N, C-alpha and C. Protein backbone atom coordinates (compact mmCIF):
# COMPACT_ATOMS: atom_id res chain seq x y z
N MET A 1 -3.85 -20.49 -6.78
CA MET A 1 -2.89 -21.23 -5.92
C MET A 1 -1.64 -20.50 -5.68
N PRO A 2 -1.03 -20.49 -4.82
CA PRO A 2 0.00 -19.29 -3.95
C PRO A 2 1.36 -19.75 -4.77
N LYS A 3 1.81 -18.85 -5.51
CA LYS A 3 3.38 -18.93 -5.74
C LYS A 3 4.45 -18.79 -4.68
N GLU A 4 5.69 -19.22 -5.08
CA GLU A 4 6.48 -19.17 -4.32
C GLU A 4 8.01 -17.99 -5.09
N ILE A 5 7.91 -16.96 -3.93
CA ILE A 5 9.33 -16.43 -4.66
C ILE A 5 10.34 -16.53 -3.86
N ARG A 6 11.78 -16.24 -4.40
CA ARG A 6 12.46 -16.24 -3.38
C ARG A 6 13.39 -14.48 -4.14
N ILE A 7 13.87 -14.12 -2.46
CA ILE A 7 14.81 -12.96 -2.89
C ILE A 7 15.66 -13.14 -1.80
N LYS A 8 16.51 -12.34 -2.27
CA LYS A 8 17.97 -12.36 -1.62
C LYS A 8 17.75 -10.47 -0.58
N VAL A 9 18.29 -11.11 0.57
CA VAL A 9 18.39 -9.66 1.21
C VAL A 9 19.94 -9.55 1.88
N ASP A 10 20.09 -8.17 2.32
CA ASP A 10 21.52 -8.46 3.18
C ASP A 10 21.34 -9.25 4.34
N ASP A 11 22.34 -8.85 5.33
CA ASP A 11 22.05 -9.13 6.68
C ASP A 11 21.47 -8.51 7.69
N GLU A 12 21.40 -7.30 7.25
CA GLU A 12 20.54 -5.97 8.33
C GLU A 12 19.60 -5.93 7.96
N THR A 13 19.03 -6.35 6.84
CA THR A 13 17.56 -6.47 6.23
C THR A 13 17.09 -7.11 7.09
N TYR A 14 17.59 -8.43 6.84
CA TYR A 14 16.97 -9.99 7.07
C TYR A 14 16.91 -9.74 8.78
N GLN A 15 17.33 -9.40 9.40
CA GLN A 15 17.71 -8.94 11.15
C GLN A 15 16.82 -8.20 11.07
N GLU A 16 16.10 -6.79 10.30
CA GLU A 16 15.30 -6.37 10.83
C GLU A 16 13.91 -6.77 10.33
N LEU A 17 13.61 -7.29 9.46
CA LEU A 17 12.34 -8.50 9.42
C LEU A 17 12.09 -9.30 10.26
N GLN A 18 13.12 -9.99 10.49
CA GLN A 18 12.96 -11.36 12.27
C GLN A 18 12.49 -10.36 12.97
N ARG A 19 13.21 -8.77 13.82
CA ARG A 19 12.73 -8.14 14.67
C ARG A 19 10.94 -7.66 14.48
N LEU A 20 10.88 -7.17 13.09
CA LEU A 20 9.09 -6.92 13.07
C LEU A 20 8.38 -8.29 12.83
N ALA A 21 8.59 -8.95 12.44
CA ALA A 21 8.30 -10.38 12.24
C ALA A 21 7.68 -10.51 13.71
N ALA A 22 8.84 -10.58 14.65
CA ALA A 22 9.05 -11.02 15.66
C ALA A 22 7.89 -10.14 16.93
N ASP A 23 7.66 -8.91 16.64
CA ASP A 23 6.76 -7.92 17.38
C ASP A 23 5.24 -8.14 16.74
N ASP A 24 5.22 -8.93 15.52
CA ASP A 24 3.82 -9.32 15.47
C ASP A 24 3.77 -10.46 15.62
N HIS A 25 4.10 -11.57 16.31
CA HIS A 25 4.27 -13.07 16.83
C HIS A 25 4.13 -13.52 15.10
N GLU A 26 4.76 -13.53 14.21
CA GLU A 26 4.77 -14.10 12.81
C GLU A 26 6.02 -14.76 12.60
N ASP A 27 6.41 -15.52 11.57
CA ASP A 27 7.55 -15.94 11.05
C ASP A 27 7.46 -15.26 10.08
N PRO A 28 9.10 -15.06 10.30
CA PRO A 28 9.50 -14.03 8.97
C PRO A 28 8.91 -14.22 7.52
N ASP A 29 9.03 -15.44 7.31
CA ASP A 29 8.18 -15.54 5.78
C ASP A 29 6.58 -15.53 5.64
N GLN A 30 6.27 -15.49 6.83
CA GLN A 30 4.95 -15.10 6.70
C GLN A 30 4.71 -13.39 6.91
N TYR A 31 5.84 -12.89 7.69
CA TYR A 31 5.53 -11.45 7.49
C TYR A 31 5.68 -10.83 6.14
N ALA A 32 6.71 -11.01 5.80
CA ALA A 32 7.03 -11.01 4.86
C ALA A 32 6.15 -10.66 3.03
N SER A 33 5.63 -11.81 3.57
CA SER A 33 4.56 -12.21 2.80
C SER A 33 3.44 -11.05 2.74
N ARG A 34 3.11 -11.13 4.26
CA ARG A 34 1.63 -10.18 4.44
C ARG A 34 2.13 -8.94 3.86
N ARG A 35 3.15 -8.58 4.11
CA ARG A 35 3.49 -6.83 3.72
C ARG A 35 3.25 -6.85 2.32
N LEU A 36 4.21 -7.50 1.88
CA LEU A 36 4.54 -7.89 0.18
C LEU A 36 2.96 -7.19 -0.16
N THR A 37 1.88 -8.29 0.02
CA THR A 37 0.25 -8.27 -0.13
C THR A 37 -0.03 -7.01 -0.23
N ALA A 38 0.55 -6.27 1.06
CA ALA A 38 -0.41 -4.92 2.04
C ALA A 38 -0.02 -4.26 0.69
N ASP A 39 1.35 -3.99 0.69
CA ASP A 39 2.47 -3.00 -0.06
C ASP A 39 1.57 -3.14 -1.49
N LEU A 40 1.51 -4.13 -2.34
CA LEU A 40 0.58 -4.32 -3.93
C LEU A 40 -0.46 -3.51 -3.78
N ALA A 41 -1.07 -3.96 -2.86
CA ALA A 41 -2.62 -3.31 -2.98
C ALA A 41 -2.53 -2.32 -2.52
N ARG A 42 -1.90 -1.64 -1.72
CA ARG A 42 -1.80 0.03 -1.56
C ARG A 42 -1.76 0.31 -3.31
N THR A 43 -0.42 0.05 -3.33
CA THR A 43 0.03 0.55 -5.14
C THR A 43 -0.82 0.37 -6.05
N ARG A 44 -1.90 -0.75 -6.29
CA ARG A 44 -3.38 -0.91 -6.70
C ARG A 44 -4.40 0.34 -6.28
N PHE A 45 -4.12 0.54 -5.03
CA PHE A 45 -5.22 1.84 -4.64
C PHE A 45 -5.14 2.80 -4.89
N LEU A 46 -3.57 3.28 -5.07
CA LEU A 46 -3.14 4.21 -5.14
C LEU A 46 -3.37 4.69 -6.40
N GLU A 47 -2.62 3.89 -7.45
CA GLU A 47 -2.80 3.66 -8.99
C GLU A 47 -4.32 4.21 -9.26
N GLY A 48 -4.85 3.40 -9.04
CA GLY A 48 -6.91 3.64 -9.48
C GLY A 48 -7.01 5.01 -8.94
N ALA A 49 -6.94 5.38 -8.02
CA ALA A 49 -7.35 6.98 -7.23
C ALA A 49 -7.02 7.78 -8.24
N LYS A 50 -5.53 7.69 -8.62
CA LYS A 50 -4.83 8.92 -9.65
C LYS A 50 -5.66 8.99 -10.96
N ALA A 51 -5.85 7.44 -11.67
CA ALA A 51 -6.52 6.64 -12.43
C ALA A 51 -7.89 8.10 -12.80
N PHE A 52 -8.69 7.93 -11.40
CA PHE A 52 -9.85 8.57 -11.31
C PHE A 52 -9.75 10.28 -10.96
N VAL A 53 -8.48 10.88 -10.88
CA VAL A 53 -8.51 11.42 -10.53
C VAL A 53 -8.15 12.71 -11.76
N GLU A 54 -7.45 11.96 -12.84
CA GLU A 54 -7.24 12.16 -13.88
C GLU A 54 -8.38 12.24 -14.51
N GLU A 55 -9.39 11.21 -14.83
CA GLU A 55 -10.38 10.92 -15.42
C GLU A 55 -11.62 11.82 -15.21
N HIS A 56 -11.42 12.02 -13.54
CA HIS A 56 -12.77 12.78 -13.11
C HIS A 56 -12.22 13.86 -12.40
N GLY A 57 -11.01 14.00 -11.87
CA GLY A 57 -11.06 14.70 -11.11
C GLY A 57 -11.91 16.31 -10.85
N GLN A 58 -11.46 17.21 -12.32
CA GLN A 58 -12.27 18.44 -12.69
C GLN A 58 -13.66 18.58 -12.67
N ALA A 59 -14.59 17.63 -12.80
CA ALA A 59 -15.88 17.43 -12.67
C ALA A 59 -16.10 17.06 -11.33
N PHE A 60 -15.29 16.50 -10.39
CA PHE A 60 -16.00 16.31 -9.06
C PHE A 60 -15.37 17.73 -7.87
N ALA A 61 -14.81 18.39 -8.50
CA ALA A 61 -13.81 19.85 -7.94
C ALA A 61 -15.08 20.71 -8.49
N ASP A 62 -15.63 20.72 -9.90
CA ASP A 62 -16.41 21.76 -10.40
C ASP A 62 -17.69 21.34 -9.54
N ARG A 63 -17.79 20.09 -8.75
CA ARG A 63 -19.62 19.34 -7.98
C ARG A 63 -19.44 19.67 -6.93
N PHE A 64 -18.03 19.42 -6.36
CA PHE A 64 -17.94 19.27 -4.76
C PHE A 64 -17.09 20.16 -3.99
N GLY A 65 -16.43 21.09 -4.70
CA GLY A 65 -15.08 22.04 -4.47
C GLY A 65 -14.13 21.14 -4.18
N THR A 66 -12.78 22.03 -4.09
CA THR A 66 -11.66 21.53 -4.25
C THR A 66 -10.86 21.18 -2.53
N GLY A 67 -11.76 21.85 -1.61
CA GLY A 67 -10.93 21.45 0.02
C GLY A 67 -11.60 22.18 0.84
N SER A 68 -11.14 22.56 2.25
CA SER A 68 -12.17 23.19 3.14
C SER A 68 -12.41 23.96 3.00
N SER A 69 -11.92 24.74 1.91
CA SER A 69 -12.40 26.20 1.97
C SER A 69 -13.47 26.57 1.53
N SER A 70 -14.05 25.38 0.77
CA SER A 70 -15.48 25.04 0.05
C SER A 70 -16.59 25.18 0.72
N HIS A 71 -17.78 25.81 0.20
CA HIS A 71 -19.23 25.76 1.13
C HIS A 71 -19.59 24.62 0.27
N ALA A 72 -19.02 23.37 0.01
CA ALA A 72 -19.88 22.29 -0.55
C ALA A 72 -20.66 21.68 1.06
N ALA A 73 -21.93 21.00 0.94
CA ALA A 73 -22.45 20.33 1.83
C ALA A 73 -21.85 18.66 1.63
């Protein structure tokens, strides 16, 4: 079930939010919600990637190489 949060921003931030929302033909509240959701998803992805690297990074590098100079297929 969707939850509502209320945040306060300064006038300059709100004006920028309105401009960006208008560029995407969205209501500022919908735009802010979409951006927040996307930002949280990105954060979860990056945290997961970091955890993967910490746990499996060396084995992955040993098997597949470490970059474009690698001769891995």
